Amino acid sequence: MPILWSWLRDGAHFHVCDDVTRMAEDVDRILRELVARHGGMGDEEAAAHVERMAAERRYVRDVY
């Protein structure tokens, strides 16, 4: 199991700061894929999980 998933599963915070046209979209997509794959979730469930992290301020995107 990837260490990033272990951290996120255990309540870690994840911050992305970058230009919206560059890395930010890719990071968001890959985060959802990681959650789906290693969290044993479908795409919709993983998206909801990432959205909950954002609502809890555990996933913060500072994009410009």
C-alpha atoms as a PDB file:
ATOM      1  CA  MET A   1       0.000   0.000   0.000  1.00  0.00           C
ATOM      2  CA  PRO A   2       1.442   3.385  -0.956  1.00  0.00           C
ATOM      3  CA  ILE A   3       2.470   5.540   1.942  1.00  0.00           C
ATOM      4  CA  LEU A   4       0.450   8.492   0.621  1.00  0.00           C
ATOM      5  CA  TRP A   5      -2.776   6.471   0.830  1.00  0.00           C
ATOM      6  CA  SER A   6      -1.864   5.358   4.359  1.00  0.00           C
ATOM      7  CA  TRP A   7      -1.384   8.965   5.403  1.00  0.00           C
ATOM      8  CA  LEU A   8      -4.619  10.130   3.773  1.00  0.00           C
ATOM      9  CA  ARG A   9      -6.577   7.223   5.236  1.00  0.00           C
ATOM     10  CA  ASP A  10      -5.272   8.161   8.677  1.00  0.00           C
ATOM     11  CA  GLY A  11      -6.297  11.824   8.380  1.00  0.00           C
ATOM     12  CA  ALA A  12      -3.368  13.615   6.725  1.00  0.00           C
ATOM     13  CA  HIS A  13      -3.844  16.955   5.016  1.00  0.00           C
ATOM     14  CA  PHE A  14      -2.920  17.344   1.336  1.00  0.00           C
ATOM     15  CA  HIS A  15      -2.161  20.752  -0.188  1.00  0.00           C
ATOM     16  CA  VAL A  16      -1.644  21.592  -3.865  1.00  0.00           C
ATOM     17  CA  CYS A  17      -0.268  24.948  -4.913  1.00  0.00           C
ATOM     18  CA  ASP A  18       0.302  25.558  -8.618  1.00  0.00           C
ATOM     19  CA  ASP A  19      -0.930  27.115 -11.820  1.00  0.00           C
ATOM     20  CA  VAL A  20      -4.382  25.712 -12.617  1.00  0.00           C
ATOM     21  CA  THR A  21      -3.363  25.053 -16.229  1.00  0.00           C
ATOM     22  CA  ARG A  22      -0.357  22.978 -15.278  1.00  0.00           C
ATOM     23  CA  MET A  23      -0.066  20.449 -12.505  1.00  0.00           C
ATOM     24  CA  ALA A  24      -3.199  21.092 -10.379  1.00  0.00           C
ATOM     25  CA  GLU A  25      -5.656  19.218 -12.618  1.00  0.00           C
ATOM     26  CA  ASP A  26      -3.319  16.250 -12.973  1.00  0.00           C
ATOM     27  CA  VAL A  27      -2.762  16.064  -9.214  1.00  0.00           C
ATOM     28  CA  ASP A  28      -6.527  16.108  -8.609  1.00  0.00           C
ATOM     29  CA  ARG A  29      -7.100  13.310 -11.145  1.00  0.00           C
ATOM     30  CA  ILE A  30      -4.273  11.180  -9.781  1.00  0.00           C
ATOM     31  CA  LEU A  31      -5.427  11.712  -6.186  1.00  0.00           C
ATOM     32  CA  ARG A  32      -8.879  10.387  -7.116  1.00  0.00           C
ATOM     33  CA  GLU A  33      -7.289   7.410  -8.900  1.00  0.00           C
ATOM     34  CA  LEU A  34      -5.097   6.666  -5.871  1.00  0.00           C
ATOM     35  CA  VAL A  35      -8.085   6.815  -3.523  1.00  0.00           C
ATOM     36  CA  ALA A  36     -10.106   4.531  -5.815  1.00  0.00           C
ATOM     37  CA  ARG A  37      -7.371   1.972  -6.323  1.00  0.00           C
ATOM     38  CA  HIS A  38      -5.893   1.733  -2.856  1.00  0.00           C
ATOM     39  CA  GLY A  39      -9.056   2.556  -0.941  1.00  0.00           C
ATOM     40  CA  GLY A  40     -10.962  -0.151  -2.781  1.00  0.00           C
ATOM     41  CA  MET A  41     -13.544   2.342  -4.084  1.00  0.00           C
ATOM     42  CA  GLY A  42     -15.309   2.923  -7.363  1.00  0.00           C
ATOM     43  CA  ASP A  43     -14.778   6.158  -9.251  1.00  0.00           C
ATOM     44  CA  GLU A  44     -17.861   7.887  -7.812  1.00  0.00           C
ATOM     45  CA  GLU A  45     -17.074   6.799  -4.260  1.00  0.00           C
ATOM     46  CA  ALA A  46     -13.467   7.982  -4.624  1.00  0.00           C
ATOM     47  CA  ALA A  47     -14.634  11.345  -5.990  1.00  0.00           C
ATOM     48  CA  ALA A  48     -16.993  11.705  -3.015  1.00  0.00           C
ATOM     49  CA  HIS A  49     -14.139  10.813  -0.642  1.00  0.00           C
ATOM     50  CA  VAL A  50     -11.896  13.502  -2.151  1.00  0.00           C
ATOM     51  CA  GLU A  51     -14.771  16.000  -1.973  1.00  0.00           C
ATOM     52  CA  ARG A  52     -15.235  15.155   1.742  1.00  0.00           C
ATOM     53  CA  MET A  53     -11.519  15.731   2.276  1.00  0.00           C
ATOM     54  CA  ALA A  54     -11.920  19.153   0.638  1.00  0.00           C
ATOM     55  CA  ALA A  55     -14.981  19.965   2.776  1.00  0.00           C
ATOM     56  CA  GLU A  56     -12.979  19.013   5.881  1.00  0.00           C
ATOM     57  CA  ARG A  57     -10.122  21.256   4.671  1.00  0.00           C
ATOM     58  CA  ARG A  58      -7.867  18.182   4.436  1.00  0.00           C
ATOM     59  CA  TYR A  59      -7.460  18.652   0.676  1.00  0.00           C
ATOM     60  CA  VAL A  60      -6.679  22.249  -0.188  1.00  0.00           C
ATOM     61  CA  ARG A  61      -6.038  23.532  -3.689  1.00  0.00           C
ATOM     62  CA  ASP A  62      -4.295  26.892  -3.898  1.00  0.00           C
ATOM     63  CA  VAL A  63      -4.398  27.316  -7.655  1.00  0.00           C
ATOM     64  CA  TYR A  64      -4.117  30.479  -9.647  1.00  0.00           C
END
